Amino acid sequence: MEKRTKEIKIRMTATEHQRLLERCDRIHLAEWLRQLGLGEHTARKRPVPEVAPELLRLVSGMGNNLNQIARRLNQSDSLTPSERVSLLSILNSLDRQLGELLEQHRAR
């Protein structure tokens, strides 16, 4: 078997990524995408899980906030102490919200 040495990097939104994960019927997303792209895709082995649209919107919004923070951190060589505190506060809030969503999802 030939060793895989080539890599493809793509960018997508959090929503697009979630949609791919929902459609993926393999353990690894890369395997599924490779088979799909090469025309070797087989029928789905597992059903698409039901996800509440509201939950998907909330998680997508949090992902967008994380992307904005990452962009801000990557664009600046130095942040003021107040900017660091502000970003840390936002990250803590997102972490708390994700924890709450996880608990709500587990309770169902």
C-alpha atoms as a PDB file:
ATOM      1  CA  MET A   1       0.000   0.000   0.000  1.00  0.00           C
ATOM      2  CA  GLU A   2       1.307   3.423  -0.942  1.00  0.00           C
ATOM      3  CA  LYS A   3       2.088   5.721   1.985  1.00  0.00           C
ATOM      4  CA  ARG A   4      -0.028   8.870   2.197  1.00  0.00           C
ATOM      5  CA  THR A   5       2.317  11.862   2.207  1.00  0.00           C
ATOM      6  CA  LYS A   6       0.223  14.656   0.661  1.00  0.00           C
ATOM      7  CA  GLU A   7      -1.907  16.915   2.815  1.00  0.00           C
ATOM      8  CA  ILE A   8      -4.812  19.219   1.945  1.00  0.00           C
ATOM      9  CA  LYS A   9      -5.812  22.007   4.318  1.00  0.00           C
ATOM     10  CA  ILE A  10      -9.240  23.627   4.032  1.00  0.00           C
ATOM     11  CA  ARG A  11     -11.041  26.279   6.037  1.00  0.00           C
ATOM     12  CA  MET A  12     -14.678  26.085   7.026  1.00  0.00           C
ATOM     13  CA  THR A  13     -17.099  27.553   9.497  1.00  0.00           C
ATOM     14  CA  ALA A  14     -18.011  25.795  12.720  1.00  0.00           C
ATOM     15  CA  THR A  15     -21.433  25.043  11.226  1.00  0.00           C
ATOM     16  CA  GLU A  16     -19.926  23.516   8.088  1.00  0.00           C
ATOM     17  CA  HIS A  17     -17.595  21.391  10.210  1.00  0.00           C
ATOM     18  CA  GLN A  18     -20.486  20.191  12.366  1.00  0.00           C
ATOM     19  CA  ARG A  19     -22.498  19.304   9.259  1.00  0.00           C
ATOM     20  CA  LEU A  20     -19.594  17.250   7.896  1.00  0.00           C
ATOM     21  CA  LEU A  21     -19.222  15.425  11.209  1.00  0.00           C
ATOM     22  CA  GLU A  22     -22.954  14.652  11.223  1.00  0.00           C
ATOM     23  CA  ARG A  23     -22.789  13.213   7.709  1.00  0.00           C
ATOM     24  CA  CYS A  24     -19.585  11.261   8.290  1.00  0.00           C
ATOM     25  CA  ASP A  25     -20.224   7.558   8.722  1.00  0.00           C
ATOM     26  CA  ARG A  26     -16.623   6.607   9.486  1.00  0.00           C
ATOM     27  CA  ILE A  27     -14.507   6.886  12.599  1.00  0.00           C
ATOM     28  CA  HIS A  28     -12.248   9.445  10.922  1.00  0.00           C
ATOM     29  CA  LEU A  29     -13.494  12.411   8.915  1.00  0.00           C
ATOM     30  CA  ALA A  30     -10.376  12.317   6.691  1.00  0.00           C
ATOM     31  CA  GLU A  31     -11.115   8.721   5.641  1.00  0.00           C
ATOM     32  CA  TRP A  32     -14.697   9.606   4.768  1.00  0.00           C
ATOM     33  CA  LEU A  33     -13.720  12.726   2.791  1.00  0.00           C
ATOM     34  CA  ARG A  34     -11.018  10.805   0.905  1.00  0.00           C
ATOM     35  CA  GLN A  35     -13.458   8.038  -0.061  1.00  0.00           C
ATOM     36  CA  LEU A  36     -16.121  10.549  -1.029  1.00  0.00           C
ATOM     37  CA  GLY A  37     -13.716  12.606  -3.149  1.00  0.00           C
ATOM     38  CA  LEU A  38     -12.279   9.556  -4.902  1.00  0.00           C
ATOM     39  CA  GLY A  39     -15.716   8.141  -5.683  1.00  0.00           C
ATOM     40  CA  GLU A  40     -15.267   5.196  -3.336  1.00  0.00           C
ATOM     41  CA  HIS A  41     -17.978   6.220  -0.899  1.00  0.00           C
ATOM     42  CA  THR A  42     -20.239   3.492   0.421  1.00  0.00           C
ATOM     43  CA  ALA A  43     -23.706   3.816   1.923  1.00  0.00           C
ATOM     44  CA  ARG A  44     -24.132   5.426   5.333  1.00  0.00           C
ATOM     45  CA  LYS A  45     -23.634   2.996   8.187  1.00  0.00           C
ATOM     46  CA  ARG A  46     -25.231   5.054  10.918  1.00  0.00           C
ATOM     47  CA  PRO A  47     -28.204   7.446  10.996  1.00  0.00           C
ATOM     48  CA  VAL A  48     -27.777  11.205  11.147  1.00  0.00           C
ATOM     49  CA  PRO A  49     -28.248  12.235  14.787  1.00  0.00           C
ATOM     50  CA  GLU A  50     -31.038  14.653  15.579  1.00  0.00           C
ATOM     51  CA  VAL A  51     -29.650  18.053  16.594  1.00  0.00           C
ATOM     52  CA  ALA A  52     -31.892  20.872  17.716  1.00  0.00           C
ATOM     53  CA  PRO A  53     -31.414  23.873  15.397  1.00  0.00           C
ATOM     54  CA  GLU A  54     -31.260  26.183  18.425  1.00  0.00           C
ATOM     55  CA  LEU A  55     -28.383  24.170  19.901  1.00  0.00           C
ATOM     56  CA  LEU A  56     -26.539  24.212  16.582  1.00  0.00           C
ATOM     57  CA  ARG A  57     -26.949  28.009  16.351  1.00  0.00           C
ATOM     58  CA  LEU A  58     -25.653  28.473  19.909  1.00  0.00           C
ATOM     59  CA  VAL A  59     -22.580  26.328  19.350  1.00  0.00           C
ATOM     60  CA  SER A  60     -21.955  27.956  15.969  1.00  0.00           C
ATOM     61  CA  GLY A  61     -22.120  31.413  17.568  1.00  0.00           C
ATOM     62  CA  MET A  62     -19.632  30.336  20.219  1.00  0.00           C
ATOM     63  CA  GLY A  63     -17.328  29.028  17.510  1.00  0.00           C
ATOM     64  CA  ASN A  64     -17.547  32.362  15.721  1.00  0.00           C
ATOM     65  CA  ASN A  65     -16.633  34.156  18.953  1.00  0.00           C
ATOM     66  CA  LEU A  66     -13.631  31.867  19.413  1.00  0.00           C
ATOM     67  CA  ASN A  67     -12.528  32.569  15.835  1.00  0.00           C
ATOM     68  CA  GLN A  68     -12.750  36.316  16.439  1.00  0.00           C
ATOM     69  CA  ILE A  69     -10.630  35.985  19.581  1.00  0.00           C
ATOM     70  CA  ALA A  70      -8.054  33.874  17.740  1.00  0.00           C
ATOM     71  CA  ARG A  71      -7.953  36.394  14.885  1.00  0.00           C
ATOM     72  CA  ARG A  72      -7.435  39.235  17.369  1.00  0.00           C
ATOM     73  CA  LEU A  73      -4.639  37.360  19.123  1.00  0.00           C
ATOM     74  CA  ASN A  74      -2.917  36.532  15.829  1.00  0.00           C
ATOM     75  CA  GLN A  75      -3.137  40.084  14.471  1.00  0.00           C
ATOM     76  CA  SER A  76      -1.542  41.765  17.461  1.00  0.00           C
ATOM     77  CA  ASP A  77       2.030  41.442  18.672  1.00  0.00           C
ATOM     78  CA  SER A  78       1.144  42.916  22.020  1.00  0.00           C
ATOM     79  CA  LEU A  79      -2.081  43.268  23.929  1.00  0.00           C
ATOM     80  CA  THR A  80      -2.740  45.651  26.751  1.00  0.00           C
ATOM     81  CA  PRO A  81      -3.539  44.127  30.151  1.00  0.00           C
ATOM     82  CA  SER A  82      -7.172  45.229  29.818  1.00  0.00           C
ATOM     83  CA  GLU A  83      -7.434  43.535  26.402  1.00  0.00           C
ATOM     84  CA  ARG A  84      -6.013  40.335  27.866  1.00  0.00           C
ATOM     85  CA  VAL A  85      -8.518  40.449  30.744  1.00  0.00           C
ATOM     86  CA  SER A  86     -11.359  41.086  28.299  1.00  0.00           C
ATOM     87  CA  LEU A  87     -10.383  38.147  26.077  1.00  0.00           C
ATOM     88  CA  LEU A  88      -9.926  35.873  29.086  1.00  0.00           C
ATOM     89  CA  SER A  89     -13.358  36.879  30.377  1.00  0.00           C
ATOM     90  CA  ILE A  90     -14.933  36.026  27.020  1.00  0.00           C
ATOM     91  CA  LEU A  91     -13.130  32.671  26.915  1.00  0.00           C
ATOM     92  CA  ASN A  92     -14.305  31.846  30.454  1.00  0.00           C
ATOM     93  CA  SER A  93     -17.860  32.763  29.500  1.00  0.00           C
ATOM     94  CA  LEU A  94     -17.737  30.542  26.410  1.00  0.00           C
ATOM     95  CA  ASP A  95     -16.307  27.680  28.469  1.00  0.00           C
ATOM     96  CA  ARG A  96     -19.121  28.036  31.010  1.00  0.00           C
ATOM     97  CA  GLN A  97     -21.782  28.190  28.281  1.00  0.00           C
ATOM     98  CA  LEU A  98     -20.400  25.100  26.550  1.00  0.00           C
ATOM     99  CA  GLY A  99     -20.397  23.261  29.883  1.00  0.00           C
ATOM    100  CA  GLU A 100     -24.037  24.204  30.439  1.00  0.00           C
ATOM    101  CA  LEU A 101     -24.998  23.060  26.933  1.00  0.00           C
ATOM    102  CA  LEU A 102     -23.198  19.768  27.481  1.00  0.00           C
ATOM    103  CA  GLU A 103     -25.052  19.184  30.756  1.00  0.00           C
ATOM    104  CA  GLN A 104     -28.391  20.016  29.126  1.00  0.00           C
ATOM    105  CA  HIS A 105     -27.623  17.627  26.273  1.00  0.00           C
ATOM    106  CA  ARG A 106     -26.633  14.827  28.663  1.00  0.00           C
ATOM    107  CA  ALA A 107     -29.839  15.342  30.667  1.00  0.00           C
ATOM    108  CA  ARG A 108     -31.975  14.458  27.624  1.00  0.00           C
END
